[in-house]
Amino acid sequence: MNRRSFLKNGSILSLPMMINGWSLSALAKPMAFQSFSDETDKVLVLIQLNGGNDGLNTLLPIDRYDILANLRSNVIVPENSIIALSDKLGLHPSMTGVKSIFDQGKMAAVQSVGYPNQNRSHFRSTDIWTTGSASNEFLTTGWLGRYMDNKYPDYPEGYPNEEEPDPFALTIGSLVSDTCQGIVNNFSMAVNDPYAATKVPAGILTDAPDNPYGTELTFLRETIEQTNAYADTVQNAANNGANISTLYADGNSLAQQLKTVALLLSGGLQTKIFVVNLGGFDTHANQVEGTNTTEGDHASLLYRLSEAVTAFQDDLQKLGIEERVLTVTFSEFGRRIRSNAANGTDHGDAAPLFLFGSCVKGGILGDNPIIDPQVGQEEGVAMQYDFRSVYGTILVDWFKVEEQEVRDLLYEDFQLLPLLGSCGNSTPTRDYEGEIVFNAYPSPFTNYVNIDLETDNEFVRISLFDSIGHEVRVFSNKKFSAGQHSIQLSTHDLAVGNYFLRIQMGAKVKTTKLIKA
């Protein structure tokens, strides 16, 4: 039985086993280390907001405020308390730190990020986000783990080694991240306290018998040796590193996780992926505190997020490594447009996603969400950008992965988005000027929708979503010649209700609401 077969057939490595804060899994020093190290020293930090963040109370569309105030009067913050980013958009009043990062040009927000056919289950939607799958795919590998598997098919043999002594990924916490799950192993290591990496005892090292049990025993011993070796590199980095920022708050768990990331990077750890977590965003009830909508559970969570990221960015800048680090938030879904009677919001669809760092293309990508006064109780925010386009852009533009490889790993139709700017040894992300020029009519419609569209010799995807995020029809997904086009879409078999027409053209997206009478 070889090592991969041993892992597949179930071993101690397949169990959620923790020893002194370390996940007992032989973490590969995977392909990304060679691939990334040869071309880039970039680091990605993922902040997972567990529970489904209410995007409409995080990044507020001021130009839709009057409508929102009627639809969610018991949770929306007062208009005069919103921290304006522009005359049309603002942040929750708890996010003053994020505003300062935005003013420095070090924050980008992507509007209405989600995926077609939104699944509003925490478990399934989290699975979709961490695997990078379509909603009807059931993958057992993470989007980063899949990339690593392609590069290091023989892992775990030979790791760590002299050239590649450090773990590829770290999850700050007690469980490894599913984003880094490979076919038979997880490429991340979980750590709570980088200073307290007690060695895992390997037992009495007698000769292993020459049978299947002996093979498995030998492999287990080697796995423990690998785990201990990685523990050494992390502990050495912690001992050699130092935080400079004084902004980290003791009572903020996310801030302490990010403080650990900065500490390890300052100590020379060459790990490229870090995953941290902030839970509590499942705000069905008591999202706000009584009638004071600026306080409550959600406000506290956003304050902790803002405070933590502010301290982290301050530390990275003072350490002189801010150009190496890109920080990205994600949450399994947003909340519904209408609030509920329990001063909360229920599971919804798309929500904004934030990127932080001195290399981001600062600003807002996308339009404010469409908010209709007649929105139904079940309706969520319509998707503008597929989350896999954010992932794909990070792989291509941050980690310099070949575009076709990313399309094979993630999603053939992902869009390369203008998320990164010129920074250090990185080149600026492509910039896209102009808007999608189109007209969709009539609305209300019955049996047909007509579209007048102007294209520039590019692929165009035209699809229709219902009010709860299901992609009910794909009308076109092909290359259009340059010029004016008139298209008639058959809709006679659709039920009466609200729909969203989404047009994707290159990196540009436009969504508009239509009603079937």
Protein backbone atom coordinates (compact mmCIF):
# COMPACT_ATOMS: atom_id res chain seq x y z
CA MET A 1 0.00 0.00 0.00
CA ASN A 2 1.54 3.35 -1.03
CA ARG A 3 1.11 6.58 0.87
CA ARG A 4 -1.68 7.94 -1.27
CA SER A 5 -3.63 4.71 -0.96
CA PHE A 6 -3.11 4.77 2.78
CA LEU A 7 -4.55 8.27 2.95
CA LYS A 8 -7.46 7.40 0.70
CA ASN A 9 -8.36 4.31 2.71
CA GLY A 10 -8.51 6.22 5.96
CA SER A 11 -5.76 6.91 8.44
CA ILE A 12 -5.00 9.09 11.38
CA LEU A 13 -4.54 11.90 8.86
CA SER A 14 -8.16 11.77 7.81
CA LEU A 15 -9.33 12.42 11.35
CA PRO A 16 -9.85 15.93 12.74
CA MET A 17 -7.03 15.29 15.21
CA MET A 18 -5.39 18.18 17.03
CA ILE A 19 -2.33 18.01 19.28
CA ASN A 20 -1.49 21.19 21.15
CA GLY A 21 -3.17 23.31 18.53
CA TRP A 22 -1.54 21.58 15.56
CA SER A 23 -3.47 19.59 13.01
CA LEU A 24 -1.86 16.18 12.67
CA SER A 25 -1.63 16.15 8.91
CA ALA A 26 1.49 16.03 6.84
CA LEU A 27 1.28 19.44 5.30
CA ALA A 28 2.77 19.52 1.86
CA LYS A 29 5.32 22.11 1.08
CA PRO A 30 3.35 22.09 -2.10
CA MET A 31 3.85 23.21 -5.65
CA ALA A 32 2.83 26.71 -4.92
CA PHE A 33 6.01 27.15 -2.96
CA GLN A 34 8.18 26.43 -5.94
CA SER A 35 5.76 28.00 -8.38
CA PHE A 36 5.11 31.07 -6.26
CA SER A 37 8.70 31.46 -5.04
CA ASP A 38 10.10 31.42 -8.53
CA GLU A 39 7.84 34.22 -9.72
CA THR A 40 6.46 36.08 -6.73
CA ASP A 41 6.78 36.52 -2.99
CA LYS A 42 3.12 37.44 -2.68
CA VAL A 43 0.96 36.39 0.26
CA LEU A 44 -2.82 35.95 0.35
CA VAL A 45 -4.78 36.33 3.60
CA LEU A 46 -8.39 35.13 3.51
CA ILE A 47 -10.81 36.46 6.13
CA GLN A 48 -13.84 34.16 6.34
CA LEU A 49 -16.92 35.92 7.76
CA ASN A 50 -18.90 32.92 8.98
CA GLY A 51 -22.68 33.05 9.00
CA GLY A 52 -23.57 35.22 6.02
CA ASN A 53 -22.81 38.92 6.30
CA ASP A 54 -25.59 41.48 5.75
CA GLY A 55 -24.03 43.38 2.88
CA LEU A 56 -26.79 45.97 2.71
CA ASN A 57 -25.93 47.15 6.22
CA THR A 58 -22.18 46.93 5.56
CA LEU A 59 -21.84 48.79 2.27
CA LEU A 60 -24.99 50.88 2.06
CA PRO A 61 -26.43 52.21 -1.21
CA ILE A 62 -27.23 55.78 -0.16
CA ASP A 63 -29.05 56.46 -3.41
CA ARG A 64 -31.53 53.68 -2.48
CA TYR A 65 -31.76 54.67 1.17
CA ASP A 66 -35.40 55.82 1.16
CA ILE A 67 -36.55 52.53 -0.35
CA LEU A 68 -34.40 50.47 2.01
CA ALA A 69 -35.67 52.43 5.00
CA ASN A 70 -39.17 51.20 4.20
CA LEU A 71 -38.10 47.61 3.60
CA ARG A 72 -35.86 47.20 6.66
CA SER A 73 -36.79 50.03 8.98
CA ASN A 74 -35.97 48.03 12.13
CA VAL A 75 -32.33 47.30 11.17
CA ILE A 76 -31.11 50.02 8.82
CA VAL A 77 -28.76 52.59 10.34
CA PRO A 78 -29.79 56.28 10.23
CA GLU A 79 -28.78 57.95 7.00
CA ASN A 80 -26.86 60.69 8.80
CA SER A 81 -24.65 58.07 10.52
CA ILE A 82 -23.44 56.40 7.30
CA ILE A 83 -19.75 56.94 6.54
CA ALA A 84 -19.91 58.25 2.98
CA LEU A 85 -17.51 56.86 0.40
CA SER A 86 -19.28 58.84 -2.32
CA ASP A 87 -22.62 60.57 -2.75
CA LYS A 88 -24.16 57.18 -3.61
CA LEU A 89 -22.43 54.72 -1.30
CA GLY A 90 -21.25 54.47 2.30
CA LEU A 91 -20.06 52.22 5.12
CA HIS A 92 -21.68 51.20 8.39
CA PRO A 93 -20.74 53.74 11.10
CA SER A 94 -18.70 51.06 12.93
CA MET A 95 -16.20 50.89 10.07
CA THR A 96 -14.19 54.08 10.54
CA GLY A 97 -10.94 52.15 10.24
CA VAL A 98 -11.93 50.72 6.87
CA LYS A 99 -12.80 54.23 5.72
CA SER A 100 -9.27 55.37 6.51
CA ILE A 101 -7.87 52.47 4.47
CA PHE A 102 -10.21 53.38 1.62
CA ASP A 103 -9.04 57.00 1.73
CA GLN A 104 -5.45 55.77 1.34
CA GLY A 105 -6.43 53.90 -1.83
CA LYS A 106 -5.75 50.56 -0.15
CA MET A 107 -9.26 49.10 -0.21
CA ALA A 108 -11.41 47.83 -3.05
CA ALA A 109 -15.00 46.69 -2.75
CA VAL A 110 -16.64 44.40 -5.30
CA GLN A 111 -20.40 44.84 -5.38
CA SER A 112 -22.89 41.97 -5.23
CA VAL A 113 -20.60 38.94 -5.31
CA GLY A 114 -22.23 35.53 -5.36
CA TYR A 115 -22.87 32.64 -7.74
CA PRO A 116 -25.73 31.46 -9.99
CA ASN A 117 -28.40 29.38 -8.29
CA GLN A 118 -27.61 30.51 -4.78
CA ASN A 119 -27.96 27.87 -2.09
CA ARG A 120 -28.99 29.49 1.19
CA SER A 121 -27.75 26.66 3.40
CA HIS A 122 -24.73 27.63 5.51
CA PHE A 123 -23.06 24.28 4.98
CA ARG A 124 -23.64 23.92 1.25
CA SER A 125 -22.93 27.56 0.41
CA THR A 126 -19.72 27.53 2.45
CA ASP A 127 -18.75 24.36 0.62
CA ILE A 128 -19.33 26.12 -2.72
CA TRP A 129 -17.22 29.13 -1.72
CA THR A 130 -14.33 27.04 -0.35
CA THR A 131 -14.25 24.54 -3.23
CA GLY A 132 -14.85 27.09 -5.98
CA SER A 133 -17.56 24.87 -7.45
CA ALA A 134 -20.75 25.60 -9.30
CA SER A 135 -23.92 25.23 -7.23
CA ASN A 136 -24.70 21.89 -8.89
CA GLU A 137 -21.18 20.49 -8.46
CA PHE A 138 -20.07 18.58 -5.39
CA LEU A 139 -16.30 18.81 -5.16
CA THR A 140 -14.14 17.36 -2.40
CA THR A 141 -11.16 19.63 -3.10
CA GLY A 142 -10.65 23.30 -2.29
CA TRP A 143 -9.92 25.85 -4.98
CA LEU A 144 -6.35 26.32 -3.71
CA GLY A 145 -5.87 22.65 -2.84
CA ARG A 146 -6.80 21.67 -6.39
CA TYR A 147 -4.12 23.95 -7.76
CA MET A 148 -1.56 22.45 -5.40
CA ASP A 149 -2.54 18.89 -6.31
CA ASN A 150 -1.83 19.59 -9.96
CA LYS A 151 1.67 20.71 -9.10
CA TYR A 152 2.63 18.23 -6.40
CA PRO A 153 0.98 14.90 -7.26
CA ASP A 154 3.55 12.94 -5.21
CA TYR A 155 3.02 14.75 -1.93
CA PRO A 156 3.74 14.05 0.90
CA GLU A 157 7.01 12.36 -0.06
CA GLY A 158 10.06 14.52 0.40
CA TYR A 159 8.58 17.42 2.34
CA PRO A 160 9.69 19.52 4.04
CA ASN A 161 13.15 19.79 2.51
CA GLU A 162 16.12 22.13 2.52
CA GLU A 163 14.84 24.27 -0.33
CA GLU A 164 11.23 24.31 0.83
CA PRO A 165 11.13 24.09 4.62
CA ASP A 166 7.92 26.03 5.34
CA PRO A 167 4.23 25.06 5.23
CA PHE A 168 2.30 26.25 2.19
CA ALA A 169 -0.74 27.43 4.13
CA LEU A 170 -1.70 28.14 7.73
CA THR A 171 -5.14 28.41 9.26
CA ILE A 172 -5.02 30.44 12.44
CA GLY A 173 -7.33 28.42 14.64
CA SER A 174 -8.09 24.82 15.50
CA LEU A 175 -9.21 23.41 12.13
CA VAL A 176 -7.55 23.40 8.73
CA SER A 177 -9.22 25.37 5.94
CA ASP A 178 -11.26 23.57 3.30
CA THR A 179 -9.96 26.03 0.70
CA CYS A 180 -6.66 24.14 0.80
CA GLN A 181 -8.07 20.60 0.71
CA GLY A 182 -6.44 18.43 -1.93
CA ILE A 183 -7.53 15.08 -3.29
CA VAL A 184 -6.13 13.11 -0.37
CA ASN A 185 -4.57 15.72 1.93
CA ASN A 186 -5.02 19.25 3.15
CA PHE A 187 -2.27 21.70 2.26
CA SER A 188 -2.85 23.87 5.31
CA MET A 189 -1.83 23.47 8.93
CA ALA A 190 -3.93 24.71 11.84
CA VAL A 191 -2.21 26.58 14.64
CA ASN A 192 -3.54 28.40 17.68
CA ASP A 193 -0.33 29.50 19.38
CA PRO A 194 2.80 29.68 17.20
CA TYR A 195 5.01 29.83 20.30
CA ALA A 196 3.70 26.57 21.77
CA ALA A 197 4.35 23.96 19.14
CA THR A 198 5.04 20.98 21.37
CA LYS A 199 6.47 18.03 19.46
CA VAL A 200 4.21 15.08 18.74
CA PRO A 201 5.80 11.92 20.21
CA ALA A 202 6.59 9.30 17.56
CA GLY A 203 6.60 6.39 19.99
CA ILE A 204 9.25 3.73 20.41
CA LEU A 205 11.13 3.51 17.12
CA THR A 206 11.41 -0.23 16.75
CA ASP A 207 11.66 -1.77 13.30
CA ALA A 208 8.30 -1.87 11.56
CA PRO A 209 7.12 -5.33 10.49
CA ASP A 210 7.24 -6.23 6.80
CA ASN A 211 3.49 -6.27 6.22
CA PRO A 212 0.68 -3.76 5.49
CA TYR A 213 0.54 -2.74 9.15
CA GLY A 214 4.26 -1.99 9.08
CA THR A 215 3.86 0.12 5.96
CA GLU A 216 1.15 2.17 7.61
CA LEU A 217 3.15 2.49 10.82
CA THR A 218 6.19 3.74 8.92
CA PHE A 219 4.07 6.26 7.08
CA LEU A 220 2.52 7.49 10.32
CA ARG A 221 5.96 7.97 11.87
CA GLU A 222 7.13 9.93 8.84
CA THR A 223 3.98 12.02 8.98
CA ILE A 224 4.65 12.92 12.60
CA GLU A 225 8.22 13.85 11.67
CA GLN A 226 6.88 16.14 8.94
CA THR A 227 4.41 17.73 11.32
CA ASN A 228 7.13 18.33 13.87
CA ALA A 229 9.42 19.80 11.22
CA TYR A 230 6.76 22.29 10.13
CA ALA A 231 6.07 23.09 13.78
CA ASP A 232 9.74 23.99 14.15
CA THR A 233 9.70 26.41 11.21
CA VAL A 234 6.58 28.15 12.50
CA GLN A 235 7.88 28.41 16.05
CA ASN A 236 11.24 29.72 14.82
CA ALA A 237 9.48 32.38 12.76
CA ALA A 238 7.40 33.41 15.79
CA ASN A 239 10.53 33.69 17.93
CA ASN A 240 12.36 35.69 15.27
CA GLY A 241 9.43 37.98 14.41
CA ALA A 242 7.95 41.03 16.07
CA ASN A 243 4.81 43.13 15.71
CA ILE A 244 5.30 46.87 15.48
CA SER A 245 1.74 48.19 15.41
CA THR A 246 0.15 49.09 18.75
CA LEU A 247 -3.39 49.02 17.33
CA TYR A 248 -4.22 45.34 17.92
CA ALA A 249 -7.02 45.02 20.49
CA ASP A 250 -6.70 42.25 23.09
CA GLY A 251 -10.41 41.45 23.07
CA ASN A 252 -10.64 41.17 19.29
CA SER A 253 -10.12 37.55 18.17
CA LEU A 254 -9.74 38.49 14.51
CA ALA A 255 -7.16 41.14 15.37
CA GLN A 256 -5.16 38.57 17.32
CA GLN A 257 -5.28 36.12 14.40
CA LEU A 258 -4.02 38.78 11.99
CA LYS A 259 -1.39 39.79 14.52
CA THR A 260 -0.10 36.21 14.39
CA VAL A 261 0.05 36.37 10.58
CA ALA A 262 2.10 39.59 10.66
CA LEU A 263 4.35 38.14 13.36
CA LEU A 264 5.15 35.03 11.33
CA LEU A 265 5.77 36.98 8.13
CA SER A 266 8.07 39.37 9.97
CA GLY A 267 9.96 36.34 11.31
CA GLY A 268 10.71 35.11 7.81
CA LEU A 269 8.06 32.42 7.32
CA GLN A 270 7.55 31.92 3.58
CA THR A 271 4.00 30.58 3.83
CA LYS A 272 1.88 32.03 1.03
CA ILE A 273 -1.69 31.42 2.22
CA PHE A 274 -3.21 32.33 5.59
CA VAL A 275 -6.85 31.80 6.57
CA VAL A 276 -8.46 33.57 9.54
CA ASN A 277 -12.05 33.58 10.73
CA LEU A 278 -14.66 35.82 12.33
CA GLY A 279 -17.97 34.16 13.21
CA GLY A 280 -21.38 35.36 14.31
CA PHE A 281 -22.83 36.81 11.10
CA ASP A 282 -25.97 34.64 11.09
CA THR A 283 -28.07 37.56 12.33
CA HIS A 284 -31.63 36.24 12.13
CA ALA A 285 -32.48 38.06 15.36
CA ASN A 286 -31.11 40.94 17.41
CA GLN A 287 -28.95 42.18 14.58
CA VAL A 288 -29.41 45.61 16.14
CA GLU A 289 -29.87 46.68 19.74
CA GLY A 290 -33.49 47.64 20.25
CA THR A 291 -34.31 50.84 18.42
CA ASN A 292 -30.67 51.92 18.28
CA THR A 293 -29.75 50.47 14.90
CA THR A 294 -26.14 51.68 15.09
CA GLU A 295 -25.48 49.21 17.92
CA GLY A 296 -25.96 45.48 18.30
CA ASP A 297 -24.43 42.20 17.13
CA HIS A 298 -23.81 43.22 13.54
CA ALA A 299 -22.31 46.59 14.48
CA SER A 300 -19.98 44.82 16.92
CA LEU A 301 -18.84 42.35 14.25
CA LEU A 302 -18.18 45.08 11.70
CA TYR A 303 -16.26 47.06 14.31
CA ARG A 304 -14.06 44.06 15.04
CA LEU A 305 -13.46 43.48 11.34
CA SER A 306 -12.59 47.13 10.77
CA GLU A 307 -10.39 47.38 13.87
CA ALA A 308 -8.53 44.17 13.01
CA VAL A 309 -7.83 45.04 9.38
CA THR A 310 -6.72 48.54 10.35
CA ALA A 311 -4.18 47.18 12.85
CA PHE A 312 -2.98 44.55 10.37
CA GLN A 313 -2.43 47.07 7.57
CA ASP A 314 -0.65 49.40 9.99
CA ASP A 315 1.63 46.57 11.07
CA LEU A 316 2.41 45.46 7.51
CA GLN A 317 3.28 49.03 6.54
CA LYS A 318 5.58 49.54 9.53
CA LEU A 319 7.21 46.15 8.92
CA GLY A 320 7.89 47.14 5.33
CA ILE A 321 6.03 44.19 3.83
CA GLU A 322 2.64 45.64 2.89
CA GLU A 323 3.30 45.26 -0.86
CA ARG A 324 3.60 41.50 -0.37
CA VAL A 325 0.21 40.97 1.27
CA LEU A 326 -3.31 40.94 -0.19
CA THR A 327 -6.20 40.48 2.25
CA VAL A 328 -9.63 39.37 1.01
CA THR A 329 -12.93 38.84 2.85
CA PHE A 330 -15.58 36.30 1.95
CA SER A 331 -18.87 35.08 3.43
CA GLU A 332 -21.14 32.27 2.29
CA PHE A 333 -24.00 34.58 1.30
CA GLY A 334 -25.60 37.95 2.01
CA ARG A 335 -28.93 38.59 3.70
CA ARG A 336 -32.36 39.30 2.24
CA ILE A 337 -33.43 42.80 1.32
CA ARG A 338 -36.43 42.87 3.66
CA SER A 339 -35.70 42.51 7.36
CA ASN A 340 -37.72 40.18 9.57
CA ALA A 341 -39.83 40.88 12.66
CA ALA A 342 -37.05 39.78 15.04
CA ASN A 343 -34.82 42.77 14.30
CA GLY A 344 -32.75 40.60 11.99
CA THR A 345 -32.30 39.46 8.43
CA ASP A 346 -32.60 36.02 6.85
CA HIS A 347 -30.38 34.11 4.42
CA GLY A 348 -30.06 35.86 1.07
CA ASP A 349 -27.89 35.89 -2.00
CA ALA A 350 -25.06 38.21 -3.13
CA ALA A 351 -23.09 40.63 -0.94
CA PRO A 352 -20.02 42.89 -1.24
CA LEU A 353 -16.51 41.49 -0.97
CA PHE A 354 -13.55 43.57 0.26
CA LEU A 355 -9.88 43.54 -0.73
CA PHE A 356 -7.20 45.31 1.33
CA GLY A 357 -3.58 46.10 0.57
CA SER A 358 -1.29 48.68 -0.94
CA CYS A 359 -1.44 46.83 -4.26
CA VAL A 360 -5.21 46.85 -4.74
CA LYS A 361 -6.87 49.06 -7.30
CA GLY A 362 -8.71 51.14 -4.73
CA GLY A 363 -12.34 52.01 -5.23
CA ILE A 364 -15.66 50.34 -5.97
CA LEU A 365 -16.22 47.77 -8.71
CA GLY A 366 -19.82 47.39 -9.82
CA ASP A 367 -23.12 49.19 -9.42
CA ASN A 368 -25.21 49.68 -6.32
CA PRO A 369 -27.69 46.82 -5.82
CA ILE A 370 -31.08 47.14 -7.47
CA ILE A 371 -33.65 47.77 -4.75
CA ASP A 372 -37.28 47.74 -5.85
CA PRO A 373 -40.05 49.11 -3.55
CA GLN A 374 -42.15 46.03 -4.36
CA VAL A 375 -39.48 43.51 -3.40
CA GLY A 376 -40.79 40.20 -2.08
CA GLN A 377 -40.05 38.81 1.37
CA GLU A 378 -37.75 36.11 -0.06
CA GLU A 379 -35.77 38.33 -2.40
CA GLY A 380 -32.03 38.82 -2.00
CA VAL A 381 -29.48 41.03 -3.72
CA ALA A 382 -28.99 40.04 -7.37
CA MET A 383 -25.54 38.78 -8.32
CA GLN A 384 -23.29 41.02 -10.38
CA TYR A 385 -19.93 39.21 -10.06
CA ASP A 386 -19.30 35.49 -9.71
CA PHE A 387 -16.99 34.83 -6.75
CA ARG A 388 -14.89 32.56 -8.97
CA SER A 389 -13.94 35.62 -11.02
CA VAL A 390 -12.42 37.15 -7.88
CA TYR A 391 -10.54 33.92 -7.16
CA GLY A 392 -9.41 33.60 -10.75
CA THR A 393 -8.15 37.17 -10.89
CA ILE A 394 -6.15 36.63 -7.70
CA LEU A 395 -4.52 33.50 -9.10
CA VAL A 396 -3.67 35.15 -12.43
CA ASP A 397 -2.70 38.64 -11.33
CA TRP A 398 -1.38 38.07 -7.80
CA PHE A 399 0.19 34.62 -8.05
CA LYS A 400 0.96 34.72 -11.80
CA VAL A 401 -0.82 31.48 -12.69
CA GLU A 402 -1.51 30.86 -16.36
CA GLU A 403 -5.01 31.96 -17.31
CA GLN A 404 -5.97 28.71 -19.02
CA GLU A 405 -4.87 26.71 -15.98
CA VAL A 406 -7.18 28.83 -13.84
CA ARG A 407 -10.06 28.28 -16.25
CA ASP A 408 -9.49 24.53 -16.03
CA LEU A 409 -9.32 24.60 -12.22
CA LEU A 410 -12.18 27.00 -11.53
CA TYR A 411 -14.59 28.06 -14.21
CA GLU A 412 -14.18 28.41 -17.95
CA ASP A 413 -16.19 31.65 -18.08
CA PHE A 414 -14.53 33.48 -15.19
CA GLN A 415 -13.87 37.18 -15.73
CA LEU A 416 -10.50 38.84 -15.20
CA LEU A 417 -11.45 41.81 -13.05
CA PRO A 418 -9.61 45.12 -12.50
CA LEU A 419 -8.77 44.47 -8.83
CA LEU A 420 -5.03 45.13 -8.59
CA GLY A 421 -2.93 48.16 -9.43
CA SER A 422 0.72 48.80 -10.17
CA CYS A 423 2.75 47.89 -7.09
CA GLY A 424 6.34 46.87 -6.49
CA ASN A 425 7.28 44.17 -8.98
CA SER A 426 3.67 43.53 -10.00
CA THR A 427 2.08 44.97 -13.10
CA PRO A 428 -1.30 46.68 -12.98
CA THR A 429 -4.39 44.66 -13.63
CA ARG A 430 -6.01 45.39 -16.96
CA ASP A 431 -8.27 48.41 -16.89
CA TYR A 432 -11.65 48.48 -18.56
CA GLU A 433 -13.19 51.72 -19.61
CA GLY A 434 -16.79 52.42 -20.41
CA GLU A 435 -20.11 50.76 -19.65
CA ILE A 436 -22.15 48.06 -21.31
CA VAL A 437 -24.50 49.91 -23.62
CA PHE A 438 -27.83 48.14 -23.95
CA ASN A 439 -31.59 48.56 -23.72
CA ALA A 440 -33.94 45.80 -22.54
CA TYR A 441 -37.69 46.15 -23.13
CA PRO A 442 -40.57 45.93 -22.50
CA SER A 443 -40.98 45.78 -18.75
CA PRO A 444 -43.40 44.42 -17.73
CA PHE A 445 -42.89 41.74 -20.41
CA THR A 446 -44.98 38.73 -21.34
CA ASN A 447 -43.71 36.36 -24.03
CA TYR A 448 -40.57 38.15 -25.19
CA VAL A 449 -37.81 40.49 -24.05
CA ASN A 450 -35.97 42.54 -26.65
CA ILE A 451 -32.36 43.65 -26.17
CA ASP A 452 -30.49 46.25 -28.19
CA LEU A 453 -26.81 45.73 -27.45
CA GLU A 454 -23.52 47.29 -28.53
CA THR A 455 -20.50 44.96 -28.49
CA ASP A 456 -16.81 45.13 -29.36
CA ASN A 457 -15.85 41.72 -30.78
CA GLU A 458 -16.04 39.88 -27.45
CA PHE A 459 -17.76 37.05 -25.62
CA VAL A 460 -21.16 37.97 -24.25
CA ARG A 461 -23.15 36.01 -21.69
CA ILE A 462 -26.81 36.96 -21.33
CA SER A 463 -28.79 35.24 -18.60
CA LEU A 464 -31.95 35.70 -16.56
CA PHE A 465 -32.19 35.22 -12.80
CA ASP A 466 -35.29 34.95 -10.67
CA SER A 467 -35.77 36.94 -7.46
CA ILE A 468 -34.06 34.36 -5.22
CA GLY A 469 -30.87 33.99 -7.24
CA HIS A 470 -31.66 31.08 -9.57
CA GLU A 471 -30.32 31.37 -13.10
CA VAL A 472 -33.45 30.30 -14.95
CA ARG A 473 -32.24 30.89 -18.50
CA VAL A 474 -28.96 31.40 -20.37
CA PHE A 475 -29.85 33.10 -23.62
CA SER A 476 -26.37 33.55 -25.00
CA ASN A 477 -22.78 32.62 -24.17
CA LYS A 478 -20.75 33.24 -27.32
CA LYS A 479 -18.57 35.71 -29.13
CA PHE A 480 -20.30 38.67 -30.76
CA SER A 481 -18.85 40.68 -33.61
CA ALA A 482 -18.30 44.38 -33.10
CA GLY A 483 -21.32 46.56 -33.67
CA GLN A 484 -25.01 46.91 -32.82
CA HIS A 485 -27.15 43.83 -32.19
CA SER A 486 -30.87 43.34 -31.66
CA ILE A 487 -31.87 40.15 -29.86
CA GLN A 488 -35.28 38.76 -29.00
CA LEU A 489 -35.45 36.44 -25.99
CA SER A 490 -38.33 33.99 -25.60
CA THR A 491 -39.88 34.11 -22.11
CA HIS A 492 -43.34 32.68 -22.69
CA ASP A 493 -42.79 29.72 -20.35
CA LEU A 494 -41.60 31.76 -17.36
CA ALA A 495 -43.80 32.32 -14.32
CA VAL A 496 -45.10 35.76 -13.46
CA GLY A 497 -42.74 37.62 -11.13
CA ASN A 498 -39.57 39.66 -10.75
CA TYR A 499 -36.44 38.82 -12.75
CA PHE A 500 -32.93 40.17 -13.22
CA LEU A 501 -31.33 40.30 -16.64
CA ARG A 502 -27.53 39.99 -16.36
CA ILE A 503 -25.20 40.81 -19.24
CA GLN A 504 -21.52 39.85 -18.91
CA MET A 505 -19.11 41.25 -21.47
CA GLY A 506 -15.38 40.83 -20.86
CA ALA A 507 -14.75 42.16 -17.37
CA LYS A 508 -17.86 44.30 -17.47
CA VAL A 509 -21.23 43.36 -15.99
CA LYS A 510 -24.61 45.01 -16.05
CA THR A 511 -27.76 43.86 -14.26
CA THR A 512 -31.24 45.27 -14.68
CA LYS A 513 -34.60 44.32 -13.21
CA LEU A 514 -37.49 43.12 -15.37
CA ILE A 515 -41.03 42.13 -14.43
CA LYS A 516 -43.17 39.48 -16.10
CA ALA A 517 -46.81 40.49 -15.95
